[in-house]
Amino acid sequence: MRIEFTETVLRDAQQSLIATRMPFSAFEQILPTLNVAGFRALECWGGATFDACLRYLNEDPWERLRKINALAPDVKLQMLLRGQNLLGYKHYPDDAVRLFVKKSVENGIDVIRVFDALNDLRNIETAVKQGLESGAEVQGCICYTISPIHDLNSFVETAKGLYAMGVQSICIKDMAGILSPKDAYETVKAVKAAVPLPLELHTHSTTGMGFMTLLEAVQAGCDVIDTAVSSMSGGTSQPATETMDYVLRQYGYETGLDAKKLREINAFFKSYRDECLRSGLLNPLVMGTATDALTYQIPGGMLSNLVAQLTAQKKLDRLDEVLAEVPRVRKDLGYPPLVTPMSQMVGVQAVSNVLNGRYKSISMEVKAYVRGEYGRAPGEVSEELRRLVLGESSPLNCRYADMLPPVVDETRKKLGKLAKSDEDVCTYIAFPALAEKYFEQREEAKKRTYSYTIRSVEEDVT
């Protein structure tokens, strides 16, 4: 039997370990090797990479994707998409989703892994349909979580819904590393029995269970696993590619991976990892095992954000109180899975509750969630919170995107010559403030280049 690998070093691994701060120049040289190492796919775009390119790296995320595609044309390039959230933190109109997906495929994406933070499949329908129409392989996600209302049957029903929607493969997405080996085996068995699609498992090493979870999943019939090259693996990242390759070969599985190429890739990123450690970009703490996630179900990135929030307010001594408050807020919100954007919303509200008093201040995002603007809550929202936000009214009984007017044509007119392409239009829709700043910087750089060229020509003439 053949087990395939999706390599995450260019997206989730670096997002989990160094907050998505890896510039294109850091991995450009190794792309030709990644291209021929035998991976099913190379996860390299989506998630937080788009935001980080604009906010921290001064890169055009679309140009980054095109460059990756040029140097790795044979391996499938994969992205992570938050359904109606796209790569932002709110819901966008359908015309924006359609254009964004279409342009992603045109610029080099082969596989679109799409999920909704609430497992509300209404919120991924548009992205799935457009991805299929654009010729991409569309993979639907089951966001794995543990709560009184999430069980094996609920995950199987989500899988059936994804299959009915037309996705070509399914991913069990364990964003906090809380899927145990036993539960992985049972979940994979049940999903494989329910739907005739390839099944992939995504997990993290956060709690120390990752390797065991992947092995049990494979033995239950999982077809593809997500791993990270060893020098960028472990901790809040994924289990190591080379280790899983070695273990599965011993069990008699074929992987198709080139061990020599893996060593080259690992040596390259080991050097980069060491640079990150020296600069402080990589904090050794995120490389360890955090079993608290088994209690609080907090993904590594969410924990880092909580620490940062409390540190900024000089309240880090109250971290334990905040960690204890997170499950209570999650229960009040009807047990949403703690994945972007829900993890950020729950974390911010938990900090506010501890520092200011329970629900003395309610974030705009939590209010929008209670109103139904993020989708259908998995369980019942607490009566106290409903009353504080809604009063006597009821939450939305429809897909929120159906209430949003088209935005693409209006944005094209607004940007005018500042937008050089539909890719620029997509960038502005997702992150208007960041996009506008980037476009202005791009124009200034163009003027400086033009001025320098004119001076050079004049000097040559004289």
Protein backbone atom coordinates (compact mmCIF):
# COMPACT_ATOMS: atom_id res chain seq x y z
CA MET A 1 0.00 0.00 0.00
CA ARG A 2 1.20 3.51 -0.81
CA ILE A 3 1.03 6.37 1.71
CA GLU A 4 1.59 9.86 0.38
CA PHE A 5 3.00 12.91 2.16
CA THR A 6 2.09 16.59 2.09
CA GLU A 7 5.10 18.69 3.15
CA THR A 8 4.19 21.71 5.29
CA VAL A 9 7.55 23.46 5.77
CA LEU A 10 6.61 26.44 3.58
CA ARG A 11 3.24 27.09 5.25
CA ASP A 12 2.01 25.54 8.47
CA ALA A 13 5.39 24.48 9.85
CA GLN A 14 6.88 27.95 9.57
CA GLN A 15 3.56 29.54 10.56
CA SER A 16 3.52 27.48 13.75
CA LEU A 17 7.18 27.96 14.66
CA ILE A 18 8.15 31.45 13.47
CA ALA A 19 4.79 33.18 13.03
CA THR A 20 4.94 32.97 9.21
CA ARG A 21 7.99 35.24 8.93
CA MET A 22 9.85 33.17 6.31
CA PRO A 23 10.55 35.35 3.26
CA PHE A 24 10.69 33.90 -0.24
CA SER A 25 14.45 34.50 -0.37
CA ALA A 26 14.91 32.09 2.56
CA PHE A 27 13.69 29.05 0.61
CA GLU A 28 14.10 30.01 -3.05
CA GLN A 29 17.23 27.88 -3.54
CA ILE A 30 15.68 24.69 -2.23
CA LEU A 31 12.48 24.81 -4.30
CA PRO A 32 13.87 22.72 -7.19
CA THR A 33 14.71 19.96 -4.69
CA LEU A 34 11.30 20.17 -3.00
CA ASN A 35 9.85 19.84 -6.50
CA VAL A 36 11.33 16.36 -7.05
CA ALA A 37 11.43 14.87 -3.55
CA GLY A 38 8.29 12.77 -4.08
CA PHE A 39 5.67 14.70 -2.10
CA ARG A 40 2.02 14.44 -3.03
CA ALA A 41 1.75 18.17 -2.45
CA LEU A 42 3.72 21.11 -1.12
CA GLU A 43 1.65 23.27 1.20
CA CYS A 44 3.00 26.73 0.49
CA TRP A 45 0.23 29.35 0.48
CA GLY A 46 -2.92 30.44 2.27
CA GLY A 47 -3.40 30.38 6.00
CA ALA A 48 -1.48 33.32 7.46
CA THR A 49 1.06 33.55 4.62
CA PHE A 50 -0.96 36.12 2.68
CA ASP A 51 -1.35 38.45 5.66
CA ALA A 52 2.30 38.03 6.70
CA CYS A 53 3.63 38.84 3.22
CA LEU A 54 1.92 42.22 3.32
CA ARG A 55 2.26 43.00 7.02
CA TYR A 56 5.81 41.87 7.75
CA LEU A 57 7.71 40.78 4.64
CA ASN A 58 6.91 43.54 2.13
CA GLU A 59 6.13 40.89 -0.48
CA ASP A 60 3.30 40.57 -2.95
CA PRO A 61 1.73 37.22 -1.95
CA TRP A 62 0.62 36.60 -5.54
CA GLU A 63 4.12 37.16 -6.90
CA ARG A 64 5.44 34.85 -4.19
CA LEU A 65 3.08 32.12 -5.41
CA ARG A 66 4.08 32.64 -9.04
CA LYS A 67 7.77 32.37 -8.13
CA ILE A 68 7.18 29.14 -6.21
CA ASN A 69 5.27 27.73 -9.16
CA ALA A 70 8.07 28.63 -11.56
CA LEU A 71 10.72 26.83 -9.49
CA ALA A 72 8.53 23.89 -8.42
CA PRO A 73 6.34 23.24 -11.46
CA ASP A 74 5.88 19.48 -11.04
CA VAL A 75 4.79 19.01 -7.41
CA LYS A 76 1.22 20.01 -6.60
CA LEU A 77 1.06 23.36 -4.79
CA GLN A 78 -1.49 23.45 -1.98
CA MET A 79 -3.15 26.29 -0.09
CA LEU A 80 -5.35 26.56 3.00
CA LEU A 81 -8.55 28.58 2.58
CA ARG A 82 -11.01 29.57 5.31
CA GLY A 83 -14.07 29.28 3.10
CA GLN A 84 -16.16 32.45 3.18
CA ASN A 85 -13.45 34.05 5.37
CA LEU A 86 -10.93 33.60 2.52
CA LEU A 87 -7.61 34.41 4.23
CA GLY A 88 -9.04 37.17 6.43
CA TYR A 89 -11.07 37.19 9.61
CA LYS A 90 -14.62 38.01 8.50
CA HIS A 91 -17.04 36.78 5.85
CA TYR A 92 -16.76 38.19 2.34
CA PRO A 93 -19.37 38.35 -0.46
CA ASP A 94 -19.61 35.49 -2.91
CA ASP A 95 -18.18 37.48 -5.83
CA ALA A 96 -15.02 38.13 -3.81
CA VAL A 97 -14.71 34.45 -2.91
CA ARG A 98 -15.16 33.39 -6.53
CA LEU A 99 -12.55 35.84 -7.84
CA PHE A 100 -10.05 34.96 -5.11
CA VAL A 101 -10.32 31.23 -5.75
CA LYS A 102 -10.14 31.71 -9.53
CA LYS A 103 -7.00 33.83 -9.25
CA SER A 104 -5.38 31.42 -6.80
CA VAL A 105 -5.65 28.62 -9.35
CA GLU A 106 -4.50 30.83 -12.23
CA ASN A 107 -1.38 31.80 -10.26
CA GLY A 108 -0.33 28.23 -9.54
CA ILE A 109 -2.46 26.55 -6.85
CA ASP A 110 -3.32 22.93 -7.62
CA VAL A 111 -4.96 21.82 -4.35
CA ILE A 112 -7.30 23.98 -2.28
CA ARG A 113 -7.87 22.73 1.25
CA VAL A 114 -10.98 24.56 2.41
CA PHE A 115 -12.53 24.61 5.87
CA ASP A 116 -15.04 26.46 7.99
CA ALA A 117 -14.20 27.13 11.62
CA LEU A 118 -17.65 25.96 12.74
CA ASN A 119 -17.91 23.01 10.33
CA ASP A 120 -20.86 24.94 8.87
CA LEU A 121 -20.68 23.65 5.31
CA ARG A 122 -22.82 26.51 3.97
CA ASN A 123 -19.73 28.65 4.43
CA ILE A 124 -17.55 26.66 2.03
CA GLU A 125 -20.04 25.97 -0.77
CA THR A 126 -19.01 28.93 -2.94
CA ALA A 127 -15.28 28.25 -2.57
CA VAL A 128 -15.73 24.54 -3.34
CA LYS A 129 -17.84 25.19 -6.43
CA GLN A 130 -15.45 27.82 -7.81
CA GLY A 131 -12.40 25.67 -7.07
CA LEU A 132 -13.88 22.78 -9.03
CA GLU A 133 -14.90 25.05 -11.91
CA SER A 134 -11.37 26.51 -12.00
CA GLY A 135 -9.82 23.05 -12.32
CA ALA A 136 -8.27 22.70 -8.87
CA GLU A 137 -8.42 19.65 -6.66
CA VAL A 138 -10.68 20.69 -3.80
CA GLN A 139 -10.20 19.09 -0.41
CA GLY A 140 -12.85 19.58 2.25
CA CYS A 141 -12.00 19.67 5.95
CA ILE A 142 -13.46 18.25 9.11
CA CYS A 143 -12.24 20.53 11.92
CA TYR A 144 -11.54 18.10 14.75
CA THR A 145 -12.34 19.14 18.29
CA ILE A 146 -13.47 17.62 21.59
CA SER A 147 -16.67 18.73 23.30
CA PRO A 148 -19.95 17.32 24.62
CA ILE A 149 -21.57 17.94 21.22
CA HIS A 150 -18.77 16.67 18.95
CA ASP A 151 -18.54 12.93 18.48
CA LEU A 152 -17.74 10.33 15.86
CA ASN A 153 -21.20 10.61 14.33
CA SER A 154 -20.92 14.40 13.93
CA PHE A 155 -17.60 14.04 12.10
CA VAL A 156 -19.03 11.34 9.83
CA GLU A 157 -22.02 13.53 9.00
CA THR A 158 -19.64 16.38 8.11
CA ALA A 159 -17.73 14.00 5.83
CA LYS A 160 -20.97 12.96 4.11
CA GLY A 161 -21.86 16.61 3.61
CA LEU A 162 -18.48 17.30 2.03
CA TYR A 163 -18.86 14.31 -0.28
CA ALA A 164 -22.30 15.46 -1.37
CA MET A 165 -20.81 18.88 -2.12
CA GLY A 166 -18.40 17.32 -4.62
CA VAL A 167 -15.00 17.63 -2.92
CA GLN A 168 -12.36 15.25 -4.29
CA SER A 169 -10.70 14.39 -0.98
CA ILE A 170 -11.25 14.96 2.74
CA CYS A 171 -8.88 16.13 5.45
CA ILE A 172 -9.30 15.59 9.18
CA LYS A 173 -7.83 18.84 10.49
CA ASP A 174 -6.52 18.57 14.05
CA MET A 175 -5.24 22.10 14.61
CA ALA A 176 -4.29 21.71 18.29
CA GLY A 177 -2.66 18.27 18.26
CA ILE A 178 -5.38 16.85 20.52
CA LEU A 179 -6.42 13.90 18.32
CA SER A 180 -5.27 10.82 20.21
CA PRO A 181 -3.99 7.68 18.44
CA LYS A 182 -7.08 5.73 19.51
CA ASP A 183 -9.50 8.41 18.34
CA ALA A 184 -7.55 8.84 15.10
CA TYR A 185 -7.92 5.15 14.33
CA GLU A 186 -11.65 5.17 15.05
CA THR A 187 -12.32 8.43 13.19
CA VAL A 188 -10.41 7.39 10.08
CA LYS A 189 -12.15 3.99 10.03
CA ALA A 190 -15.57 5.60 10.34
CA VAL A 191 -14.98 8.30 7.71
CA LYS A 192 -13.44 5.84 5.23
CA ALA A 193 -16.45 3.56 5.67
CA ALA A 194 -18.86 6.44 5.09
CA VAL A 195 -17.39 8.13 2.00
CA PRO A 196 -15.37 6.73 -0.95
CA LEU A 197 -12.77 9.52 -1.05
CA PRO A 198 -9.03 9.77 -0.33
CA LEU A 199 -8.52 10.79 3.30
CA GLU A 200 -5.72 12.97 4.67
CA LEU A 201 -4.78 13.70 8.28
CA HIS A 202 -3.35 16.98 9.51
CA THR A 203 -2.14 17.19 13.10
CA HIS A 204 0.48 18.95 15.23
CA SER A 205 3.15 17.70 17.61
CA THR A 206 2.05 20.13 20.32
CA THR A 207 0.93 17.50 22.84
CA GLY A 208 3.49 14.85 21.88
CA MET A 209 0.98 12.48 20.27
CA GLY A 210 1.58 13.40 16.62
CA PHE A 211 3.73 10.47 15.49
CA MET A 212 1.50 7.90 17.19
CA THR A 213 -1.62 9.56 15.83
CA LEU A 214 -0.33 9.51 12.25
CA LEU A 215 0.74 5.86 12.51
CA GLU A 216 -2.63 4.74 13.85
CA ALA A 217 -4.39 6.78 11.18
CA VAL A 218 -2.37 5.08 8.44
CA GLN A 219 -3.11 1.64 9.85
CA ALA A 220 -6.81 2.56 9.85
CA GLY A 221 -6.71 3.39 6.15
CA CYS A 222 -5.60 7.02 5.92
CA ASP A 223 -4.17 7.77 2.47
CA VAL A 224 -2.12 10.95 3.01
CA ILE A 225 -0.40 12.50 6.04
CA ASP A 226 0.90 16.01 6.68
CA THR A 227 4.48 16.26 7.94
CA ALA A 228 7.32 18.79 8.14
CA VAL A 229 10.98 18.25 7.28
CA SER A 230 12.66 17.33 10.57
CA SER A 231 14.60 20.56 11.20
CA MET A 232 11.29 22.47 11.10
CA SER A 233 9.16 19.83 12.82
CA GLY A 234 8.04 19.11 16.36
CA GLY A 235 6.52 21.36 18.99
CA THR A 236 3.69 23.38 17.53
CA SER A 237 4.68 22.20 14.03
CA GLN A 238 3.98 18.81 12.43
CA PRO A 239 5.71 15.44 13.04
CA ALA A 240 8.92 14.92 11.08
CA THR A 241 8.74 13.83 7.45
CA GLU A 242 11.86 11.67 7.56
CA THR A 243 10.80 9.87 10.72
CA MET A 244 7.38 8.95 9.38
CA ASP A 245 8.94 7.91 6.08
CA TYR A 246 11.36 5.59 7.91
CA VAL A 247 8.69 4.10 10.17
CA LEU A 248 6.16 3.50 7.41
CA ARG A 249 8.75 1.84 5.20
CA GLN A 250 9.50 -0.56 8.07
CA TYR A 251 5.80 -1.38 8.23
CA GLY A 252 5.89 -2.25 4.55
CA TYR A 253 4.27 0.85 3.09
CA GLU A 254 5.50 2.58 -0.04
CA THR A 255 5.96 6.35 0.28
CA GLY A 256 7.57 7.42 -2.97
CA LEU A 257 9.85 9.82 -1.09
CA ASP A 258 13.49 10.24 -2.10
CA ALA A 259 15.56 9.85 1.08
CA LYS A 260 18.58 11.60 -0.45
CA LYS A 261 16.47 14.61 -1.44
CA LEU A 262 14.96 14.71 2.05
CA ARG A 263 18.44 14.94 3.55
CA GLU A 264 19.27 17.85 1.24
CA ILE A 265 16.06 19.63 2.20
CA ASN A 266 16.61 19.05 5.89
CA ALA A 267 20.21 20.31 5.78
CA PHE A 268 19.02 23.47 4.03
CA PHE A 269 16.30 24.24 6.58
CA LYS A 270 18.51 23.25 9.51
CA SER A 271 20.78 26.14 8.59
CA TYR A 272 17.77 28.46 8.36
CA ARG A 273 16.37 27.22 11.67
CA ASP A 274 19.70 27.95 13.37
CA GLU A 275 19.61 31.49 11.97
CA CYS A 276 16.11 31.92 13.40
CA LEU A 277 17.24 30.68 16.79
CA ARG A 278 20.18 33.10 16.85
CA SER A 279 18.01 36.05 15.86
CA GLY A 280 15.28 35.19 18.36
CA LEU A 281 12.67 34.70 15.63
CA LEU A 282 12.33 31.08 16.73
CA ASN A 283 11.62 30.75 20.45
CA PRO A 284 12.80 27.35 21.76
CA LEU A 285 9.64 27.18 23.87
CA VAL A 286 7.50 26.41 20.81
CA MET A 287 9.71 23.43 20.01
CA GLY A 288 8.71 21.62 23.18
CA THR A 289 5.70 19.57 24.24
CA ALA A 290 2.73 21.38 25.78
CA THR A 291 0.34 18.87 27.33
CA ASP A 292 -1.85 21.70 28.68
CA ALA A 293 -3.44 21.67 25.23
CA LEU A 294 -5.09 18.37 26.19
CA THR A 295 -6.91 20.22 28.96
CA TYR A 296 -7.57 23.59 27.34
CA GLN A 297 -7.51 22.54 23.64
CA ILE A 298 -5.53 25.68 22.85
CA PRO A 299 -3.51 25.59 19.60
CA GLY A 300 0.09 26.72 19.84
CA GLY A 301 -0.51 29.95 17.96
CA MET A 302 -3.42 30.82 20.24
CA LEU A 303 -1.29 30.25 23.35
CA SER A 304 1.40 32.54 21.94
CA ASN A 305 -1.20 35.24 21.33
CA LEU A 306 -2.52 34.93 24.89
CA VAL A 307 0.97 35.28 26.30
CA ALA A 308 1.62 38.31 24.06
CA GLN A 309 -1.65 40.01 25.09
CA LEU A 310 -1.00 39.52 28.78
CA THR A 311 2.66 40.52 28.51
CA ALA A 312 1.70 43.76 26.75
CA GLN A 313 -0.65 44.58 29.63
CA LYS A 314 1.88 43.43 32.25
CA LYS A 315 -0.57 40.78 33.42
CA LEU A 316 1.28 37.58 32.51
CA ASP A 317 0.90 36.42 36.11
CA ARG A 318 -2.80 35.87 35.33
CA LEU A 319 -2.16 33.43 32.49
CA ASP A 320 -3.47 30.45 34.47
CA GLU A 321 -6.75 32.28 35.09
CA VAL A 322 -7.07 33.02 31.38
CA LEU A 323 -6.34 29.41 30.44
CA ALA A 324 -9.07 28.29 32.83
CA GLU A 325 -11.48 30.87 31.36
CA VAL A 326 -10.99 29.74 27.75
CA PRO A 327 -13.08 26.54 28.09
CA ARG A 328 -15.83 28.51 29.86
CA VAL A 329 -16.03 31.08 27.05
CA ARG A 330 -15.99 28.28 24.48
CA LYS A 331 -18.90 26.60 26.26
CA ASP A 332 -20.82 29.90 26.35
CA LEU A 333 -20.34 30.19 22.58
CA GLY A 334 -21.68 26.71 21.89
CA TYR A 335 -18.35 24.83 21.70
CA PRO A 336 -16.84 26.20 18.46
CA PRO A 337 -13.64 24.43 17.36
CA LEU A 338 -10.61 26.52 18.32
CA VAL A 339 -9.29 27.32 14.88
CA THR A 340 -8.87 30.67 13.11
CA PRO A 341 -10.82 32.91 13.53
CA MET A 342 -12.63 31.30 16.49
CA SER A 343 -9.43 30.71 18.49
CA GLN A 344 -8.58 34.41 18.38
CA MET A 345 -12.13 35.43 19.30
CA VAL A 346 -12.35 33.06 22.27
CA GLY A 347 -8.85 33.98 23.47
CA VAL A 348 -9.41 37.74 23.37
CA GLN A 349 -12.74 37.38 25.19
CA ALA A 350 -11.18 35.14 27.85
CA VAL A 351 -8.49 37.76 28.52
CA SER A 352 -11.14 40.49 28.76
CA ASN A 353 -13.26 38.41 31.12
CA VAL A 354 -10.34 37.83 33.48
CA LEU A 355 -9.02 41.38 33.46
CA ASN A 356 -12.30 43.33 33.27
CA GLY A 357 -14.98 40.99 34.61
CA ARG A 358 -17.07 38.39 32.79
CA TYR A 359 -18.62 39.94 29.69
CA LYS A 360 -18.29 43.48 31.04
CA SER A 361 -16.79 44.12 27.63
CA ILE A 362 -17.74 41.97 24.63
CA SER A 363 -15.62 42.12 21.49
CA MET A 364 -17.20 43.13 18.18
CA GLU A 365 -16.25 39.73 16.75
CA VAL A 366 -18.00 37.81 19.54
CA LYS A 367 -21.10 39.98 19.08
CA ALA A 368 -21.04 39.19 15.35
CA TYR A 369 -20.67 35.49 16.13
CA VAL A 370 -23.66 35.51 18.50
CA ARG A 371 -25.70 37.33 15.83
CA GLY A 372 -24.89 34.47 13.45
CA GLU A 373 -22.53 36.34 11.14
CA TYR A 374 -19.92 33.57 11.25
CA GLY A 375 -22.36 30.75 10.70
CA ARG A 376 -24.41 28.36 12.77
CA ALA A 377 -23.05 27.82 16.29
CA PRO A 378 -22.31 24.10 16.83
CA GLY A 379 -24.22 24.12 20.13
CA GLU A 380 -26.39 26.44 22.19
CA VAL A 381 -25.02 29.89 22.99
CA SER A 382 -25.47 30.66 26.69
CA GLU A 383 -28.66 32.54 27.55
CA GLU A 384 -26.66 35.22 29.38
CA LEU A 385 -24.54 35.99 26.34
CA ARG A 386 -27.50 35.86 23.95
CA ARG A 387 -29.37 38.36 26.11
CA LEU A 388 -26.40 40.71 26.39
CA VAL A 389 -25.85 40.75 22.62
CA LEU A 390 -29.27 40.17 21.09
CA GLY A 391 -31.74 41.39 23.67
CA GLU A 392 -35.12 40.12 22.53
CA SER A 393 -34.07 39.50 18.90
CA SER A 394 -32.96 36.21 17.34
CA PRO A 395 -29.74 35.26 15.55
CA LEU A 396 -29.62 35.12 11.76
CA ASN A 397 -31.38 32.14 10.24
CA CYS A 398 -29.55 32.34 6.92
CA ARG A 399 -26.06 32.20 5.49
CA TYR A 400 -24.59 35.62 6.31
CA ALA A 401 -22.88 35.93 2.92
CA ASP A 402 -26.33 35.96 1.29
CA MET A 403 -26.87 39.36 2.91
CA LEU A 404 -23.62 40.87 1.63
CA PRO A 405 -23.71 42.95 -1.56
CA PRO A 406 -21.16 42.30 -4.34
CA VAL A 407 -17.88 44.10 -3.80
CA VAL A 408 -15.52 43.29 -6.69
CA ASP A 409 -16.67 45.86 -9.28
CA GLU A 410 -16.97 48.56 -6.65
CA THR A 411 -13.42 47.85 -5.47
CA ARG A 412 -12.07 47.97 -9.02
CA LYS A 413 -13.58 51.45 -9.46
CA LYS A 414 -12.36 52.64 -6.08
CA LEU A 415 -8.75 51.57 -6.65
CA GLY A 416 -8.55 52.74 -10.24
CA LYS A 417 -4.96 52.81 -11.49
CA LEU A 418 -3.64 51.90 -8.05
CA ALA A 419 -4.71 48.31 -8.76
CA LYS A 420 -2.60 46.75 -11.49
CA SER A 421 -4.59 43.51 -11.68
CA ASP A 422 -7.50 41.52 -10.27
CA GLU A 423 -4.98 40.03 -7.87
CA ASP A 424 -4.54 43.53 -6.42
CA VAL A 425 -8.31 43.82 -6.14
CA CYS A 426 -8.43 40.55 -4.17
CA THR A 427 -5.62 41.75 -1.91
CA TYR A 428 -7.45 44.99 -1.14
CA ILE A 429 -10.75 43.23 -0.41
CA ALA A 430 -9.08 40.90 2.07
CA PHE A 431 -6.76 43.43 3.76
CA PRO A 432 -7.61 46.99 2.68
CA ALA A 433 -5.29 48.91 5.01
CA LEU A 434 -2.31 46.63 4.39
CA ALA A 435 -2.96 46.56 0.65
CA GLU A 436 -3.19 50.32 0.31
CA LYS A 437 0.10 50.76 2.16
CA TYR A 438 1.77 48.10 0.01
CA PHE A 439 0.44 49.61 -3.24
CA GLU A 440 1.74 53.05 -2.26
CA GLN A 441 5.16 51.64 -1.40
CA ARG A 442 5.19 49.82 -4.71
CA GLU A 443 4.48 53.07 -6.57
CA GLU A 444 7.23 54.88 -4.70
CA ALA A 445 9.71 52.11 -5.50
CA LYS A 446 8.69 52.28 -9.17
CA LYS A 447 9.27 56.05 -9.23
CA ARG A 448 12.69 55.68 -7.64
CA THR A 449 13.63 53.03 -10.19
CA TYR A 450 12.40 55.22 -13.05
CA SER A 451 14.32 58.23 -11.73
CA TYR A 452 17.49 56.18 -11.37
CA THR A 453 17.10 54.84 -14.93
CA ILE A 454 16.70 58.35 -16.38
CA ARG A 455 19.80 59.59 -14.56
CA SER A 456 21.77 56.59 -15.80
CA VAL A 457 20.71 57.24 -19.40
CA GLU A 458 21.66 60.93 -19.13
CA GLU A 459 25.07 60.06 -17.71
CA ASP A 460 25.67 57.62 -20.57
CA VAL A 461 24.73 60.27 -23.13
CA THR A 462 27.05 62.90 -21.64
